[in-house]
Amino acid sequence: MLQLCIHTIIIDIWSKGKRKMRIAYQYKLRPTKEQAEKIDRTLDMLRCQYNYMLAERFNWWEKNRCAINACPLICYLPELKDQPTR
């Protein structure tokens, strides 16, 4: 379960090809129990979706044995949208 999330954003400022300054912002999230549960459910759903699409890429590679670019994967998305499994 998510208790505390620390997120750091680092920004480099460049001038004439050289790094002039580095700025870092750090955020701490302390969600309530309900918010943490909702975040956990969302992250679990995203993990499942990522793993499903990764398996699709592997299956596509096994069938076609050629370079994978975005076109065949994007063309497949409307089919999934029309027939959701959940």
Protein backbone atom coordinates (compact mmCIF):
# COMPACT_ATOMS: atom_id res chain seq x y z
CA MET A 1 0.00 0.00 0.00
CA LEU A 2 1.16 3.49 -0.81
CA GLN A 3 2.18 5.42 2.30
CA LEU A 4 4.54 8.18 1.21
CA CYS A 5 5.65 9.12 -2.26
CA ILE A 6 8.58 11.46 -2.82
CA HIS A 7 8.92 12.73 -6.37
CA THR A 8 11.90 14.77 -7.55
CA ILE A 9 11.95 16.82 -10.74
CA ILE A 10 15.36 18.00 -11.94
CA ILE A 11 15.58 20.80 -14.50
CA ASP A 12 18.85 21.73 -16.20
CA ILE A 13 19.22 25.27 -17.53
CA TRP A 14 21.60 25.50 -20.49
CA SER A 15 23.36 28.51 -21.95
CA LYS A 16 25.56 28.34 -25.06
CA GLY A 17 25.83 24.56 -24.92
CA LYS A 18 26.91 24.43 -21.26
CA ARG A 19 24.85 23.60 -18.23
CA LYS A 20 24.47 26.79 -16.29
CA MET A 21 22.25 25.75 -13.40
CA ARG A 22 20.37 22.74 -12.07
CA ILE A 23 17.07 23.22 -10.25
CA ALA A 24 15.40 20.43 -8.30
CA TYR A 25 11.86 20.33 -6.95
CA GLN A 26 10.76 17.67 -4.52
CA TYR A 27 7.15 16.79 -3.72
CA LYS A 28 5.88 14.59 -0.90
CA LEU A 29 2.46 13.01 -1.14
CA ARG A 30 0.64 11.85 1.96
CA PRO A 31 -2.63 10.45 0.68
CA THR A 32 -5.51 9.47 2.91
CA LYS A 33 -6.38 5.78 3.20
CA GLU A 34 -9.13 6.10 0.56
CA GLN A 35 -6.84 8.02 -1.80
CA ALA A 36 -4.05 5.47 -1.34
CA GLU A 37 -6.46 2.62 -2.14
CA LYS A 38 -7.65 4.41 -5.27
CA ILE A 39 -4.06 5.08 -6.36
CA ASP A 40 -3.18 1.42 -5.76
CA ARG A 41 -6.17 0.24 -7.84
CA THR A 42 -5.25 2.65 -10.64
CA LEU A 43 -1.61 1.57 -10.64
CA ASP A 44 -2.66 -2.10 -10.63
CA MET A 45 -4.94 -1.50 -13.62
CA LEU A 46 -2.13 0.31 -15.48
CA ARG A 47 0.30 -2.53 -14.68
CA CYS A 48 -2.14 -5.09 -16.09
CA GLN A 49 -2.69 -2.99 -19.21
CA TYR A 50 1.05 -2.53 -19.73
CA ASN A 51 1.71 -6.27 -19.35
CA TYR A 52 -1.13 -7.09 -21.76
CA MET A 53 0.20 -4.73 -24.43
CA LEU A 54 3.75 -6.02 -23.88
CA ALA A 55 2.50 -9.57 -24.46
CA GLU A 56 0.75 -8.35 -27.62
CA ARG A 57 4.04 -6.92 -28.86
CA PHE A 58 5.82 -10.23 -28.21
CA ASN A 59 3.06 -12.17 -29.97
CA TRP A 60 3.14 -9.77 -32.93
CA TRP A 61 6.92 -10.18 -33.15
CA GLU A 62 6.64 -13.99 -33.06
CA LYS A 63 4.11 -13.94 -35.93
CA ASN A 64 5.79 -11.34 -38.16
CA ARG A 65 9.49 -11.29 -37.28
CA CYS A 66 9.97 -7.71 -38.45
CA ALA A 67 10.53 -4.34 -36.81
CA ILE A 68 7.74 -3.16 -34.54
CA ASN A 69 6.69 0.45 -34.92
CA ALA A 70 3.70 2.34 -33.58
CA CYS A 71 1.43 1.85 -36.61
CA PRO A 72 0.35 -1.78 -36.13
CA LEU A 73 -0.07 -1.23 -32.40
CA ILE A 74 -2.12 1.96 -32.80
CA CYS A 75 -4.28 0.35 -35.48
CA TYR A 76 -5.11 -2.41 -33.01
CA LEU A 77 -6.38 -0.02 -30.29
CA PRO A 78 -9.79 0.82 -31.85
CA GLU A 79 -10.57 -2.91 -31.95
CA LEU A 80 -9.88 -3.18 -28.23
CA LYS A 81 -11.93 -0.05 -27.50
CA ASP A 82 -14.96 -1.51 -29.28
CA GLN A 83 -14.75 -4.80 -27.38
CA PRO A 84 -13.66 -4.20 -23.77
CA THR A 85 -13.18 -7.31 -21.65
CA ARG A 86 -14.25 -5.77 -18.33
